[in-house]
């Protein structure tokens, strides 16, 4: 059986998930699992897909980054699939190239490309941190202004009217912890 898995990180990437599902279905997948989950957190859809697969199945994804967070994780998944008699096909490796881990050359290419992708990500994160440090030192990077801080005057006004902090939080759409923090940090007049 051909089984596909698609993932996007956020609900804003709906078109990306639809494109993955379309591509997996076009490739012949009889069953396609999908989820909207950050690669950082747990991925119950992936776990469900891996549990669904049986000996002789072929597992398909559109790109390796939809499947694994790192080279080590990708290779662990490939090894698990191999032991269970399941092949992995990655549909898009650029210019319509596919990788099929049942082929030793594809397995080698996947390992190399996964390593390069992880290296690129690490370099990008280093550059990002360097850029943030530079911007901070120049006074250009302040970070996000907390949502509750922007509504401090309104929180204080509503509290002065006698509203309970939980009601204020609900009315302004901020957390009760933020309301209590603002009330605690504001000097008494």
C-alpha atoms as a PDB file:
ATOM      1  CA  UNK A   1       0.000   0.000   0.000  1.00  0.00           C
ATOM      2  CA  UNK A   2       1.218   3.522  -0.759  1.00  0.00           C
ATOM      3  CA  UNK A   3       0.796   5.722   2.311  1.00  0.00           C
ATOM      4  CA  UNK A   4       1.502   9.463   2.363  1.00  0.00           C
ATOM      5  CA  UNK A   5       2.181  11.996   5.095  1.00  0.00           C
ATOM      6  CA  UNK A   6       1.985  15.788   4.826  1.00  0.00           C
ATOM      7  CA  UNK A   7       2.712  18.434   7.431  1.00  0.00           C
ATOM      8  CA  UNK A   8       2.729  22.190   7.751  1.00  0.00           C
ATOM      9  CA  UNK A   9       3.757  24.181  10.775  1.00  0.00           C
ATOM     10  CA  UNK A  10       0.812  26.573  10.971  1.00  0.00           C
ATOM     11  CA  UNK A  11      -2.778  26.925   9.877  1.00  0.00           C
ATOM     12  CA  UNK A  12      -1.685  29.825   7.656  1.00  0.00           C
ATOM     13  CA  UNK A  13       0.080  27.281   5.438  1.00  0.00           C
ATOM     14  CA  UNK A  14      -3.175  25.613   4.356  1.00  0.00           C
ATOM     15  CA  UNK A  15      -2.261  25.879   0.666  1.00  0.00           C
ATOM     16  CA  UNK A  16       1.012  24.081   1.356  1.00  0.00           C
ATOM     17  CA  UNK A  17      -0.774  21.211   3.050  1.00  0.00           C
ATOM     18  CA  UNK A  18      -3.284  21.003   0.213  1.00  0.00           C
ATOM     19  CA  UNK A  19      -0.417  20.908  -2.308  1.00  0.00           C
ATOM     20  CA  UNK A  20       1.289  18.094  -0.396  1.00  0.00           C
ATOM     21  CA  UNK A  21      -1.941  16.101  -0.248  1.00  0.00           C
ATOM     22  CA  UNK A  22      -2.503  16.688  -3.965  1.00  0.00           C
ATOM     23  CA  UNK A  23       1.028  15.560  -4.848  1.00  0.00           C
ATOM     24  CA  UNK A  24       0.851  12.475  -2.637  1.00  0.00           C
ATOM     25  CA  UNK A  25      -2.516  11.472  -4.079  1.00  0.00           C
ATOM     26  CA  UNK A  26      -1.234  12.034  -7.624  1.00  0.00           C
ATOM     27  CA  UNK A  27       1.736   9.779  -6.804  1.00  0.00           C
ATOM     28  CA  UNK A  28      -0.723   6.986  -6.040  1.00  0.00           C
ATOM     29  CA  UNK A  29      -1.095   7.143  -2.266  1.00  0.00           C
ATOM     30  CA  UNK A  30      -4.190   5.253  -1.197  1.00  0.00           C
ATOM     31  CA  UNK A  31      -4.117   6.794   2.257  1.00  0.00           C
ATOM     32  CA  UNK A  32      -2.767  10.234   3.172  1.00  0.00           C
ATOM     33  CA  UNK A  33      -2.246  11.383   6.738  1.00  0.00           C
ATOM     34  CA  UNK A  34      -1.725  15.092   7.403  1.00  0.00           C
ATOM     35  CA  UNK A  35      -1.347  17.495  10.272  1.00  0.00           C
ATOM     36  CA  UNK A  36      -0.625  21.097  11.164  1.00  0.00           C
ATOM     37  CA  UNK A  37       2.090  20.868  13.770  1.00  0.00           C
ATOM     38  CA  UNK A  38       5.385  22.585  14.318  1.00  0.00           C
ATOM     39  CA  UNK A  39       8.315  20.282  13.769  1.00  0.00           C
ATOM     40  CA  UNK A  40       9.484  21.297  17.241  1.00  0.00           C
ATOM     41  CA  UNK A  41       6.573  19.743  19.155  1.00  0.00           C
ATOM     42  CA  UNK A  42       5.200  16.242  19.142  1.00  0.00           C
ATOM     43  CA  UNK A  43       3.643  15.134  15.875  1.00  0.00           C
ATOM     44  CA  UNK A  44       0.765  12.746  16.599  1.00  0.00           C
ATOM     45  CA  UNK A  45      -0.123  12.502  12.882  1.00  0.00           C
ATOM     46  CA  UNK A  46       3.357  11.233  12.055  1.00  0.00           C
ATOM     47  CA  UNK A  47       3.225   8.722  14.900  1.00  0.00           C
ATOM     48  CA  UNK A  48      -0.180   7.543  13.684  1.00  0.00           C
ATOM     49  CA  UNK A  49       1.149   7.187  10.132  1.00  0.00           C
ATOM     50  CA  UNK A  50       4.210   5.221  11.222  1.00  0.00           C
ATOM     51  CA  UNK A  51       2.014   2.915  13.332  1.00  0.00           C
ATOM     52  CA  UNK A  52      -0.323   2.366  10.358  1.00  0.00           C
ATOM     53  CA  UNK A  53       2.448   1.183   8.008  1.00  0.00           C
ATOM     54  CA  UNK A  54       2.931  -2.554   7.429  1.00  0.00           C
ATOM     55  CA  UNK A  55       5.577  -4.766   5.854  1.00  0.00           C
ATOM     56  CA  UNK A  56       5.621  -4.206   2.097  1.00  0.00           C
ATOM     57  CA  UNK A  57       4.094  -0.707   2.276  1.00  0.00           C
ATOM     58  CA  UNK A  58       5.714   2.351   0.758  1.00  0.00           C
ATOM     59  CA  UNK A  59       5.729   5.526   2.818  1.00  0.00           C
ATOM     60  CA  UNK A  60       5.759   8.778   0.814  1.00  0.00           C
ATOM     61  CA  UNK A  61       6.469  12.369   1.753  1.00  0.00           C
ATOM     62  CA  UNK A  62       6.912  15.358  -0.507  1.00  0.00           C
ATOM     63  CA  UNK A  63      10.173  16.580   1.089  1.00  0.00           C
ATOM     64  CA  UNK A  64      12.464  15.332   3.855  1.00  0.00           C
ATOM     65  CA  UNK A  65      11.829  18.409   6.030  1.00  0.00           C
ATOM     66  CA  UNK A  66       8.156  17.409   6.254  1.00  0.00           C
ATOM     67  CA  UNK A  67       9.262  14.187   7.940  1.00  0.00           C
ATOM     68  CA  UNK A  68      12.227  14.884  10.220  1.00  0.00           C
ATOM     69  CA  UNK A  69      13.849  17.680  12.207  1.00  0.00           C
ATOM     70  CA  UNK A  70      17.428  16.529  11.817  1.00  0.00           C
ATOM     71  CA  UNK A  71      19.666  14.138   9.943  1.00  0.00           C
ATOM     72  CA  UNK A  72      19.775  11.829  12.950  1.00  0.00           C
ATOM     73  CA  UNK A  73      15.981  11.719  13.222  1.00  0.00           C
ATOM     74  CA  UNK A  74      15.576  11.181   9.471  1.00  0.00           C
ATOM     75  CA  UNK A  75      18.062   8.321   9.452  1.00  0.00           C
ATOM     76  CA  UNK A  76      16.402   6.768  12.529  1.00  0.00           C
ATOM     77  CA  UNK A  77      13.024   6.839  10.760  1.00  0.00           C
ATOM     78  CA  UNK A  78      14.565   5.357   7.585  1.00  0.00           C
ATOM     79  CA  UNK A  79      16.229   2.605   9.655  1.00  0.00           C
ATOM     80  CA  UNK A  80      12.974   1.811  11.482  1.00  0.00           C
ATOM     81  CA  UNK A  81      11.104   1.604   8.188  1.00  0.00           C
ATOM     82  CA  UNK A  82      13.811  -0.578   6.652  1.00  0.00           C
ATOM     83  CA  UNK A  83      13.726  -3.031   9.573  1.00  0.00           C
ATOM     84  CA  UNK A  84       9.949  -3.260   9.203  1.00  0.00           C
ATOM     85  CA  UNK A  85      10.160  -3.879   5.449  1.00  0.00           C
ATOM     86  CA  UNK A  86       8.771  -0.476   4.480  1.00  0.00           C
ATOM     87  CA  UNK A  87      10.265   1.709   1.767  1.00  0.00           C
ATOM     88  CA  UNK A  88      10.452   5.499   1.945  1.00  0.00           C
ATOM     89  CA  UNK A  89       9.940   7.610  -1.173  1.00  0.00           C
ATOM     90  CA  UNK A  90      10.598  11.346  -1.123  1.00  0.00           C
ATOM     91  CA  UNK A  91       8.802  12.906  -4.067  1.00  0.00           C
ATOM     92  CA  UNK A  92      10.558  16.229  -4.459  1.00  0.00           C
ATOM     93  CA  UNK A  93      14.312  16.458  -4.306  1.00  0.00           C
ATOM     94  CA  UNK A  94      14.372  19.193  -6.932  1.00  0.00           C
ATOM     95  CA  UNK A  95      13.599  19.124 -10.649  1.00  0.00           C
ATOM     96  CA  UNK A  96      11.215  16.208 -10.234  1.00  0.00           C
ATOM     97  CA  UNK A  97      13.843  13.868  -8.765  1.00  0.00           C
ATOM     98  CA  UNK A  98      12.611  11.214  -6.369  1.00  0.00           C
ATOM     99  CA  UNK A  99      14.521   9.297  -3.747  1.00  0.00           C
ATOM    100  CA  UNK A 100      13.549   5.741  -2.858  1.00  0.00           C
ATOM    101  CA  UNK A 101      15.366   4.290   0.155  1.00  0.00           C
ATOM    102  CA  UNK A 102      14.978   0.777  -1.244  1.00  0.00           C
ATOM    103  CA  UNK A 103      17.770   1.847  -3.611  1.00  0.00           C
ATOM    104  CA  UNK A 104      21.284   2.142  -2.057  1.00  0.00           C
ATOM    105  CA  UNK A 105      22.215   5.184  -4.168  1.00  0.00           C
ATOM    106  CA  UNK A 106      19.056   7.018  -3.111  1.00  0.00           C
ATOM    107  CA  UNK A 107      19.822   6.162   0.511  1.00  0.00           C
ATOM    108  CA  UNK A 108      23.298   7.670   0.175  1.00  0.00           C
ATOM    109  CA  UNK A 109      21.921  10.806  -1.503  1.00  0.00           C
ATOM    110  CA  UNK A 110      19.276  11.210   1.188  1.00  0.00           C
ATOM    111  CA  UNK A 111      21.906  11.006   3.934  1.00  0.00           C
ATOM    112  CA  UNK A 112      24.114  13.586   2.222  1.00  0.00           C
ATOM    113  CA  UNK A 113      21.253  15.967   1.437  1.00  0.00           C
ATOM    114  CA  UNK A 114      19.833  15.685   4.955  1.00  0.00           C
ATOM    115  CA  UNK A 115      23.256  16.549   6.378  1.00  0.00           C
ATOM    116  CA  UNK A 116      23.569  19.571   4.094  1.00  0.00           C
ATOM    117  CA  UNK A 117      20.052  20.756   5.003  1.00  0.00           C
ATOM    118  CA  UNK A 118      20.811  20.481   8.718  1.00  0.00           C
ATOM    119  CA  UNK A 119      24.101  22.342   8.234  1.00  0.00           C
ATOM    120  CA  UNK A 120      22.284  25.125   6.299  1.00  0.00           C
ATOM    121  CA  UNK A 121      19.728  25.463   9.081  1.00  0.00           C
ATOM    122  CA  UNK A 122      22.445  25.742  11.743  1.00  0.00           C
ATOM    123  CA  UNK A 123      24.308  28.378   9.700  1.00  0.00           C
ATOM    124  CA  UNK A 124      21.063  30.329   9.201  1.00  0.00           C
ATOM    125  CA  UNK A 125      20.342  30.236  12.944  1.00  0.00           C
ATOM    126  CA  UNK A 126      23.879  31.445  13.726  1.00  0.00           C
ATOM    127  CA  UNK A 127      23.475  34.340  11.304  1.00  0.00           C
ATOM    128  CA  UNK A 128      20.100  35.176  12.759  1.00  0.00           C
ATOM    129  CA  UNK A 129      21.520  35.291  16.296  1.00  0.00           C
ATOM    130  CA  UNK A 130      24.450  37.412  15.103  1.00  0.00           C
ATOM    131  CA  UNK A 131      22.033  39.820  13.414  1.00  0.00           C
ATOM    132  CA  UNK A 132      19.882  40.100  16.534  1.00  0.00           C
ATOM    133  CA  UNK A 133      22.968  40.714  18.723  1.00  0.00           C
ATOM    134  CA  UNK A 134      24.190  43.427  16.334  1.00  0.00           C
ATOM    135  CA  UNK A 135      20.761  45.082  16.184  1.00  0.00           C
ATOM    136  CA  UNK A 136      20.520  45.020  19.996  1.00  0.00           C
ATOM    137  CA  UNK A 137      23.960  46.583  20.372  1.00  0.00           C
ATOM    138  CA  UNK A 138      22.914  49.368  17.971  1.00  0.00           C
ATOM    139  CA  UNK A 139      19.646  49.860  19.834  1.00  0.00           C
ATOM    140  CA  UNK A 140      17.576  48.824  16.815  1.00  0.00           C
ATOM    141  CA  UNK A 141      16.179  45.582  18.213  1.00  0.00           C
ATOM    142  CA  UNK A 142      13.693  45.967  20.975  1.00  0.00           C
ATOM    143  CA  UNK A 143      11.728  42.750  20.606  1.00  0.00           C
ATOM    144  CA  UNK A 144       7.990  42.450  20.492  1.00  0.00           C
ATOM    145  CA  UNK A 145       6.017  44.872  22.631  1.00  0.00           C
ATOM    146  CA  UNK A 146       3.955  42.733  24.972  1.00  0.00           C
ATOM    147  CA  UNK A 147       0.255  42.796  24.162  1.00  0.00           C
ATOM    148  CA  UNK A 148      -0.782  43.475  27.751  1.00  0.00           C
ATOM    149  CA  UNK A 149       1.635  46.409  28.102  1.00  0.00           C
ATOM    150  CA  UNK A 150      -0.080  48.173  25.207  1.00  0.00           C
ATOM    151  CA  UNK A 151      -3.351  47.926  27.109  1.00  0.00           C
ATOM    152  CA  UNK A 152      -1.998  48.976  30.493  1.00  0.00           C
ATOM    153  CA  UNK A 153      -4.021  52.202  30.624  1.00  0.00           C
ATOM    154  CA  UNK A 154      -7.218  50.331  29.786  1.00  0.00           C
ATOM    155  CA  UNK A 155      -6.493  47.669  32.447  1.00  0.00           C
ATOM    156  CA  UNK A 156      -6.010  50.379  35.064  1.00  0.00           C
ATOM    157  CA  UNK A 157      -9.148  52.245  33.969  1.00  0.00           C
ATOM    158  CA  UNK A 158     -11.296  49.099  34.159  1.00  0.00           C
ATOM    159  CA  UNK A 159      -9.859  48.192  37.549  1.00  0.00           C
ATOM    160  CA  UNK A 160     -10.601  51.719  38.797  1.00  0.00           C
ATOM    161  CA  UNK A 161     -14.206  51.130  37.691  1.00  0.00           C
ATOM    162  CA  UNK A 162     -14.238  48.157  40.073  1.00  0.00           C
ATOM    163  CA  UNK A 163     -14.041  45.323  37.558  1.00  0.00           C
ATOM    164  CA  UNK A 164     -12.468  42.073  38.734  1.00  0.00           C
ATOM    165  CA  UNK A 165      -9.109  41.158  37.092  1.00  0.00           C
ATOM    166  CA  UNK A 166     -10.634  38.028  35.486  1.00  0.00           C
ATOM    167  CA  UNK A 167     -13.354  40.138  33.858  1.00  0.00           C
ATOM    168  CA  UNK A 168     -10.719  42.617  32.649  1.00  0.00           C
ATOM    169  CA  UNK A 169      -8.643  39.793  31.138  1.00  0.00           C
ATOM    170  CA  UNK A 170     -11.668  38.397  29.352  1.00  0.00           C
ATOM    171  CA  UNK A 171     -12.839  41.778  28.082  1.00  0.00           C
ATOM    172  CA  UNK A 172      -9.388  42.770  26.732  1.00  0.00           C
ATOM    173  CA  UNK A 173      -8.409  39.345  25.445  1.00  0.00           C
ATOM    174  CA  UNK A 174      -5.248  39.058  27.531  1.00  0.00           C
ATOM    175  CA  UNK A 175      -4.257  36.530  30.166  1.00  0.00           C
ATOM    176  CA  UNK A 176      -5.283  36.909  33.777  1.00  0.00           C
ATOM    177  CA  UNK A 177      -1.576  36.628  34.719  1.00  0.00           C
ATOM    178  CA  UNK A 178      -0.851  39.696  32.586  1.00  0.00           C
ATOM    179  CA  UNK A 179      -3.640  41.661  34.267  1.00  0.00           C
ATOM    180  CA  UNK A 180      -2.417  40.708  37.755  1.00  0.00           C
ATOM    181  CA  UNK A 181       1.201  41.554  36.790  1.00  0.00           C
ATOM    182  CA  UNK A 182       0.201  44.998  35.475  1.00  0.00           C
ATOM    183  CA  UNK A 183      -1.833  45.705  38.611  1.00  0.00           C
ATOM    184  CA  UNK A 184       1.021  44.539  40.855  1.00  0.00           C
ATOM    185  CA  UNK A 185       3.699  46.579  38.979  1.00  0.00           C
ATOM    186  CA  UNK A 186       1.675  49.788  38.796  1.00  0.00           C
ATOM    187  CA  UNK A 187       2.502  52.147  41.669  1.00  0.00           C
ATOM    188  CA  UNK A 188      -0.454  53.019  43.863  1.00  0.00           C
ATOM    189  CA  UNK A 189      -1.496  56.663  43.547  1.00  0.00           C
END
